[in-house]
């Protein structure tokens, strides 16, 4: 059906959000109704805005269940049925007694990157999970793809139930996938491959981009603040996104009340100190309380049910400084411990929470960010705005205020609002509800060697040009920290000379794309500037049809002219190569860091522009470019 507007999907692994157009307003819907096979006491999980990032393959050979597990699993006909099926189970559809795969999103990082952020204890859990994945005989990217495929299928089913099948099937999609800010280019490339394997981009006219989790969280939480009129022009805000694996901190200054606009003021920070590591620490605390032997004698399903009910849905959400706690024991726990409850005194709990690396490192990140804001603006942030599951924890909120000496107010908000912040912000990043200062249009001009201006190391004589040139100069089209929320095309012309009698490899040509993963990159190719990818093109123009000119030596040379045409969408960068009005190549890249072009002709270096976000309350839709991606192996 012609003329349908796009449906925007925001995917944050365990949470999904979608937006679709109506006659008068735009409808927002947080996907829930997760398929759940768990008992009645946890049936409410199906209506949560999040579902666990876990997957189980029935075809996997599992270690023999102990006698109690066999009894518990064989007592359910549903479980027998699921065991006979070859279909993977995911989220709340995984029974608690199964050895499911989890943490696989975090495992997309290399071990060397994980060790940079993690303690030895936390690293050991990830090493164990990586070994389990290897033993399963499955590639990590396939596991991520399988989970995304199941999540995507559920999102489409939910969309069809809310909008009708015909509307969903005939409308174009914009899909936004969130990723941690600390992920580098090669990790995002692995995620992109998983997205393609999952079939998310199979539909014609689907546009796709990444957005960093802290930016998405900031967009949603800033909208919450705008709607409540809690902030005004000149206020500084620090947004803290507490994810399952990572914590990211980013700060803004309100630069306009109407429209509500903010500009980032200091470099954001992040670390691998997410909620899953606090969960593992509590499990270890309970084992210390009851003893390893007794803990191991309890069936796996009961252990996981205990963690879900007494920790995830209990103490983790309610603990406050100075309190003791009682966790309730049932079933086999009662039998092996001869008690129905486990009391944890207030000293033990206070030590557990205050000295846990997750809490300690998260608070340190926020304190450092507040100090950076104070140094830059001469004032502390007015608010620290919490987002992500752990951001709803009362203890963490209180500790942040305490760490900042009560000078900065911590804003939490309703639990569902915090949990869904990243997926809500992902949807916002795709529409006109969020606009920004786009990357600057740096001017590129051919420049011959200039003594005293160029680095002597770059001087070389070009025999075709018959003069000296400066090699390995860089031009930046997008710098780290600059907004890419509102696409604005750029074009840049290039000319490659050839001897009239020697076409060399013409019509084939390679265009190299480079990246730099830090602020203030150098104006020439040196340490830290890395090749991201190559775009191979074939000119449609016959060599003898190329225009001719004379070089200073009086020799006739031919010039092959081509253009880069590029746009940005969220954290994705589309680049096409145009020759004689015809697009001869197209690629899509992630903007995890700076995108640079490298060519042996000098180009002018340009200063960066502060990132700016504008919230427009009316329209969340805009035309999106069509793009198709081709799969490539994970390096």
Foldseek 3Di string as FASTA:
>chain_A
DPPAFAKEWFDALFWIKIWGDDPAAIDIDTDFQDDAPDDPVCVCRRRARGFAAKKDFLVFDDDDFPPVVVVVQVVDPVSVVVNPDRQMAGTNRDFQLGPIQHPLLVVLDDLVVQVVFDDPVVSVVVVVSVVVCVSRVDDSLQSLLSSVLVVVVSVLVVCCVVPNPVSSLPHEYEYEYEDALPDDFLSVLSNVLSCVSSVVQVDFQYHYFYFYQQQLLCQLVVVVCLVVVVDAAQFKEKEWEAAAFKIKIFMWGFHHNVLTKIFTFDDIDMGGLHDPQLLVLVLVVVCVQQDVVLLVVDRSSQSSVQSVVCPVVHCLADDAQPAKDKRAADDSSCVSRVDGIDTGHRVRVNCSQVVDCSLVVSLVSVVVVQVVCCVRPVDGHQEYEYAAQSSNRPHSLVVSCVSVVVNHHYHYDDNSSRHCSSSNSSLLLQFPQKDKDAFDQFDWDFDADDPPPDDPVQWDADVQLRGIAGFQFKEFRHAPQADQSDKDKYKDKDKDKAQLVDPDPPPKDKWWKWFAADHPDDRGDDPRIGTDDIWIFHAPDDSVPFDWDAHPVRGIMGMFMKMWMWIGHNQKIKIFIGGPNRTGTIAMGGPSGTMMTGGTGHTDYDDTDTIMIGGDPGIGGDDDDTDDHDRDDSD
